Amino acid sequence: MNFDFLELFFFAWFCMWLGWKLREVFAQHMVNQLSDRLTIRLHDTIENAIPIAIERHENVFYVYNVDTNSFMTQGSTRKELERNLQRLFPDQIFKASEENMREVGFE
Protein backbone atom coordinates (compact mmCIF):
# COMPACT_ATOMS: atom_id res chain seq x y z
CA MET A 1 0.00 0.00 0.00
CA ASN A 2 2.81 2.39 0.86
CA PHE A 3 4.59 1.58 -2.38
CA ASP A 4 1.47 2.44 -4.47
CA PHE A 5 1.26 5.87 -2.85
CA LEU A 6 4.93 6.62 -3.66
CA GLU A 7 4.47 5.49 -7.27
CA LEU A 8 1.40 7.72 -7.63
CA PHE A 9 3.21 10.66 -6.02
CA PHE A 10 6.27 10.38 -8.31
CA PHE A 11 4.09 9.81 -11.37
CA ALA A 12 2.07 12.95 -10.56
CA TRP A 13 5.25 14.92 -9.89
CA PHE A 14 6.77 13.71 -13.19
CA CYS A 15 3.62 14.68 -15.13
CA MET A 16 3.64 18.14 -13.56
CA TRP A 17 7.34 18.57 -14.35
CA LEU A 18 6.87 17.37 -17.94
CA GLY A 19 3.90 19.70 -18.42
CA TRP A 20 5.92 22.63 -17.10
CA LYS A 21 8.82 21.87 -19.46
CA LEU A 22 6.50 21.53 -22.47
CA ARG A 23 4.87 24.86 -21.56
CA GLU A 24 8.34 26.47 -21.48
CA VAL A 25 9.24 25.07 -24.89
CA PHE A 26 5.93 26.25 -26.37
CA ALA A 27 6.28 29.72 -24.81
CA GLN A 28 9.84 30.08 -26.14
CA HIS A 29 8.68 29.01 -29.60
CA MET A 30 5.89 31.63 -29.55
CA VAL A 31 8.27 34.38 -28.40
CA ASN A 32 10.76 33.52 -31.17
CA GLN A 33 7.99 33.47 -33.78
CA LEU A 34 6.65 36.86 -32.62
CA SER A 35 10.16 38.33 -32.58
CA ASP A 36 10.78 37.16 -36.14
CA ARG A 37 7.50 38.69 -37.32
CA LEU A 38 8.25 42.01 -35.62
CA THR A 39 11.76 42.11 -37.09
CA ILE A 40 10.42 41.53 -40.59
CA ARG A 41 7.67 44.12 -40.10
CA LEU A 42 10.12 46.70 -38.74
CA HIS A 43 12.48 46.09 -41.66
CA ASP A 44 9.61 46.51 -44.16
CA THR A 45 8.43 49.67 -42.39
CA ILE A 46 11.86 51.27 -42.51
CA GLU A 47 12.32 50.39 -46.17
CA ASN A 48 8.90 51.88 -47.04
CA ALA A 49 9.51 55.12 -45.15
CA ILE A 50 9.29 58.28 -47.21
CA PRO A 51 12.66 60.04 -47.36
CA ILE A 52 12.41 63.70 -46.37
CA ALA A 53 14.72 66.69 -46.24
CA ILE A 54 14.33 69.43 -43.67
CA GLU A 55 15.44 72.98 -44.33
CA ARG A 56 15.74 75.73 -41.77
CA HIS A 57 15.22 79.39 -42.66
CA GLU A 58 15.50 81.59 -39.58
CA ASN A 59 13.01 80.08 -37.08
CA VAL A 60 10.88 78.10 -39.56
CA PHE A 61 11.50 74.53 -40.70
CA TYR A 62 10.35 73.30 -44.12
CA VAL A 63 9.93 69.61 -45.01
CA TYR A 64 10.34 68.32 -48.56
CA ASN A 65 9.88 64.88 -50.07
CA VAL A 66 13.32 63.85 -51.36
CA ASP A 67 11.94 61.63 -54.15
CA THR A 68 9.58 64.22 -55.66
CA ASN A 69 11.25 67.37 -54.30
CA SER A 70 7.79 68.62 -53.30
CA PHE A 71 6.92 70.68 -50.24
CA MET A 72 5.12 68.73 -47.51
CA THR A 73 4.73 70.96 -44.45
CA GLN A 74 6.35 73.57 -42.26
CA GLY A 75 6.63 74.34 -38.56
CA SER A 76 8.53 76.32 -35.99
CA THR A 77 9.57 73.32 -33.83
CA ARG A 78 10.34 69.66 -34.31
CA LYS A 79 7.17 68.67 -32.45
CA GLU A 80 5.09 70.89 -34.71
CA LEU A 81 6.65 69.30 -37.81
CA GLU A 82 5.95 65.81 -36.47
CA ARG A 83 2.37 66.75 -35.61
CA ASN A 84 1.78 68.31 -39.04
CA LEU A 85 3.24 65.31 -40.89
CA GLN A 86 1.12 62.93 -38.84
CA ARG A 87 -2.02 65.00 -39.45
CA LEU A 88 -1.43 65.39 -43.20
CA PHE A 89 -0.11 61.87 -43.84
CA PRO A 90 -1.61 59.71 -41.06
CA ASP A 91 -0.50 56.26 -42.24
CA GLN A 92 2.97 57.18 -43.47
CA ILE A 93 6.39 56.93 -41.89
CA PHE A 94 9.10 59.46 -42.71
CA LYS A 95 12.86 59.21 -42.63
CA ALA A 96 15.37 62.07 -42.58
CA SER A 97 19.09 61.41 -42.76
CA GLU A 98 21.15 61.82 -39.59
CA GLU A 99 23.26 64.44 -41.34
CA ASN A 100 20.17 66.46 -42.26
CA MET A 101 18.88 66.20 -38.68
CA ARG A 102 22.18 67.56 -37.36
CA GLU A 103 22.21 70.38 -39.93
CA VAL A 104 18.89 71.76 -38.68
CA GLY A 105 19.67 71.14 -35.00
CA PHE A 106 17.43 68.10 -34.36
CA GLU A 107 20.03 65.93 -32.67
C-alpha atoms as a PDB file:
ATOM      1  CA  MET A   1       0.000   0.000   0.000  1.00  0.00           C
ATOM      2  CA  ASN A   2       2.813   2.394   0.865  1.00  0.00           C
ATOM      3  CA  PHE A   3       4.585   1.577  -2.380  1.00  0.00           C
ATOM      4  CA  ASP A   4       1.472   2.439  -4.469  1.00  0.00           C
ATOM      5  CA  PHE A   5       1.264   5.872  -2.847  1.00  0.00           C
ATOM      6  CA  LEU A   6       4.930   6.623  -3.663  1.00  0.00           C
ATOM      7  CA  GLU A   7       4.469   5.487  -7.268  1.00  0.00           C
ATOM      8  CA  LEU A   8       1.403   7.715  -7.631  1.00  0.00           C
ATOM      9  CA  PHE A   9       3.209  10.655  -6.022  1.00  0.00           C
ATOM     10  CA  PHE A  10       6.267  10.380  -8.308  1.00  0.00           C
ATOM     11  CA  PHE A  11       4.089   9.808 -11.367  1.00  0.00           C
ATOM     12  CA  ALA A  12       2.066  12.953 -10.563  1.00  0.00           C
ATOM     13  CA  TRP A  13       5.250  14.918  -9.885  1.00  0.00           C
ATOM     14  CA  PHE A  14       6.770  13.706 -13.191  1.00  0.00           C
ATOM     15  CA  CYS A  15       3.624  14.678 -15.125  1.00  0.00           C
ATOM     16  CA  MET A  16       3.637  18.140 -13.563  1.00  0.00           C
ATOM     17  CA  TRP A  17       7.343  18.566 -14.352  1.00  0.00           C
ATOM     18  CA  LEU A  18       6.871  17.369 -17.941  1.00  0.00           C
ATOM     19  CA  GLY A  19       3.900  19.699 -18.425  1.00  0.00           C
ATOM     20  CA  TRP A  20       5.917  22.631 -17.102  1.00  0.00           C
ATOM     21  CA  LYS A  21       8.820  21.873 -19.465  1.00  0.00           C
ATOM     22  CA  LEU A  22       6.495  21.529 -22.465  1.00  0.00           C
ATOM     23  CA  ARG A  23       4.874  24.865 -21.558  1.00  0.00           C
ATOM     24  CA  GLU A  24       8.341  26.468 -21.477  1.00  0.00           C
ATOM     25  CA  VAL A  25       9.244  25.070 -24.893  1.00  0.00           C
ATOM     26  CA  PHE A  26       5.935  26.248 -26.371  1.00  0.00           C
ATOM     27  CA  ALA A  27       6.283  29.720 -24.813  1.00  0.00           C
ATOM     28  CA  GLN A  28       9.844  30.085 -26.139  1.00  0.00           C
ATOM     29  CA  HIS A  29       8.684  29.012 -29.597  1.00  0.00           C
ATOM     30  CA  MET A  30       5.890  31.628 -29.552  1.00  0.00           C
ATOM     31  CA  VAL A  31       8.274  34.379 -28.397  1.00  0.00           C
ATOM     32  CA  ASN A  32      10.756  33.519 -31.169  1.00  0.00           C
ATOM     33  CA  GLN A  33       7.991  33.471 -33.776  1.00  0.00           C
ATOM     34  CA  LEU A  34       6.651  36.855 -32.619  1.00  0.00           C
ATOM     35  CA  SER A  35      10.155  38.327 -32.577  1.00  0.00           C
ATOM     36  CA  ASP A  36      10.778  37.159 -36.140  1.00  0.00           C
ATOM     37  CA  ARG A  37       7.497  38.695 -37.322  1.00  0.00           C
ATOM     38  CA  LEU A  38       8.250  42.011 -35.616  1.00  0.00           C
ATOM     39  CA  THR A  39      11.761  42.108 -37.086  1.00  0.00           C
ATOM     40  CA  ILE A  40      10.417  41.530 -40.589  1.00  0.00           C
ATOM     41  CA  ARG A  41       7.673  44.124 -40.102  1.00  0.00           C
ATOM     42  CA  LEU A  42      10.122  46.704 -38.742  1.00  0.00           C
ATOM     43  CA  HIS A  43      12.478  46.093 -41.662  1.00  0.00           C
ATOM     44  CA  ASP A  44       9.608  46.509 -44.162  1.00  0.00           C
ATOM     45  CA  THR A  45       8.430  49.670 -42.390  1.00  0.00           C
ATOM     46  CA  ILE A  46      11.864  51.272 -42.509  1.00  0.00           C
ATOM     47  CA  GLU A  47      12.316  50.391 -46.173  1.00  0.00           C
ATOM     48  CA  ASN A  48       8.902  51.876 -47.045  1.00  0.00           C
ATOM     49  CA  ALA A  49       9.509  55.122 -45.150  1.00  0.00           C
ATOM     50  CA  ILE A  50       9.287  58.281 -47.214  1.00  0.00           C
ATOM     51  CA  PRO A  51      12.661  60.044 -47.357  1.00  0.00           C
ATOM     52  CA  ILE A  52      12.409  63.696 -46.367  1.00  0.00           C
ATOM     53  CA  ALA A  53      14.717  66.689 -46.244  1.00  0.00           C
ATOM     54  CA  ILE A  54      14.334  69.434 -43.667  1.00  0.00           C
ATOM     55  CA  GLU A  55      15.444  72.980 -44.333  1.00  0.00           C
ATOM     56  CA  ARG A  56      15.735  75.727 -41.769  1.00  0.00           C
ATOM     57  CA  HIS A  57      15.220  79.388 -42.655  1.00  0.00           C
ATOM     58  CA  GLU A  58      15.497  81.592 -39.580  1.00  0.00           C
ATOM     59  CA  ASN A  59      13.008  80.082 -37.081  1.00  0.00           C
ATOM     60  CA  VAL A  60      10.880  78.104 -39.556  1.00  0.00           C
ATOM     61  CA  PHE A  61      11.504  74.531 -40.704  1.00  0.00           C
ATOM     62  CA  TYR A  62      10.346  73.299 -44.118  1.00  0.00           C
ATOM     63  CA  VAL A  63       9.927  69.615 -45.005  1.00  0.00           C
ATOM     64  CA  TYR A  64      10.338  68.318 -48.560  1.00  0.00           C
ATOM     65  CA  ASN A  65       9.878  64.875 -50.069  1.00  0.00           C
ATOM     66  CA  VAL A  66      13.324  63.850 -51.365  1.00  0.00           C
ATOM     67  CA  ASP A  67      11.936  61.634 -54.147  1.00  0.00           C
ATOM     68  CA  THR A  68       9.577  64.217 -55.664  1.00  0.00           C
ATOM     69  CA  ASN A  69      11.247  67.368 -54.302  1.00  0.00           C
ATOM     70  CA  SER A  70       7.794  68.616 -53.304  1.00  0.00           C
ATOM     71  CA  PHE A  71       6.920  70.683 -50.244  1.00  0.00           C
ATOM     72  CA  MET A  72       5.124  68.729 -47.513  1.00  0.00           C
ATOM     73  CA  THR A  73       4.727  70.958 -44.452  1.00  0.00           C
ATOM     74  CA  GLN A  74       6.346  73.570 -42.256  1.00  0.00           C
ATOM     75  CA  GLY A  75       6.628  74.343 -38.558  1.00  0.00           C
ATOM     76  CA  SER A  76       8.535  76.321 -35.987  1.00  0.00           C
ATOM     77  CA  THR A  77       9.566  73.316 -33.833  1.00  0.00           C
ATOM     78  CA  ARG A  78      10.336  69.659 -34.311  1.00  0.00           C
ATOM     79  CA  LYS A  79       7.168  68.668 -32.445  1.00  0.00           C
ATOM     80  CA  GLU A  80       5.093  70.894 -34.712  1.00  0.00           C
ATOM     81  CA  LEU A  81       6.653  69.301 -37.812  1.00  0.00           C
ATOM     82  CA  GLU A  82       5.953  65.810 -36.470  1.00  0.00           C
ATOM     83  CA  ARG A  83       2.369  66.747 -35.608  1.00  0.00           C
ATOM     84  CA  ASN A  84       1.776  68.310 -39.040  1.00  0.00           C
ATOM     85  CA  LEU A  85       3.241  65.315 -40.887  1.00  0.00           C
ATOM     86  CA  GLN A  86       1.118  62.928 -38.840  1.00  0.00           C
ATOM     87  CA  ARG A  87      -2.017  64.999 -39.447  1.00  0.00           C
ATOM     88  CA  LEU A  88      -1.431  65.394 -43.198  1.00  0.00           C
ATOM     89  CA  PHE A  89      -0.111  61.866 -43.844  1.00  0.00           C
ATOM     90  CA  PRO A  90      -1.610  59.709 -41.065  1.00  0.00           C
ATOM     91  CA  ASP A  91      -0.503  56.256 -42.238  1.00  0.00           C
ATOM     92  CA  GLN A  92       2.968  57.182 -43.473  1.00  0.00           C
ATOM     93  CA  ILE A  93       6.387  56.934 -41.890  1.00  0.00           C
ATOM     94  CA  PHE A  94       9.102  59.457 -42.706  1.00  0.00           C
ATOM     95  CA  LYS A  95      12.860  59.215 -42.627  1.00  0.00           C
ATOM     96  CA  ALA A  96      15.370  62.068 -42.581  1.00  0.00           C
ATOM     97  CA  SER A  97      19.090  61.413 -42.756  1.00  0.00           C
ATOM     98  CA  GLU A  98      21.151  61.815 -39.591  1.00  0.00           C
ATOM     99  CA  GLU A  99      23.263  64.439 -41.342  1.00  0.00           C
ATOM    100  CA  ASN A 100      20.167  66.460 -42.256  1.00  0.00           C
ATOM    101  CA  MET A 101      18.878  66.202 -38.680  1.00  0.00           C
ATOM    102  CA  ARG A 102      22.183  67.557 -37.356  1.00  0.00           C
ATOM    103  CA  GLU A 103      22.205  70.383 -39.928  1.00  0.00           C
ATOM    104  CA  VAL A 104      18.889  71.756 -38.678  1.00  0.00           C
ATOM    105  CA  GLY A 105      19.674  71.140 -35.002  1.00  0.00           C
ATOM    106  CA  PHE A 106      17.435  68.105 -34.359  1.00  0.00           C
ATOM    107  CA  GLU A 107      20.032  65.930 -32.673  1.00  0.00           C
END
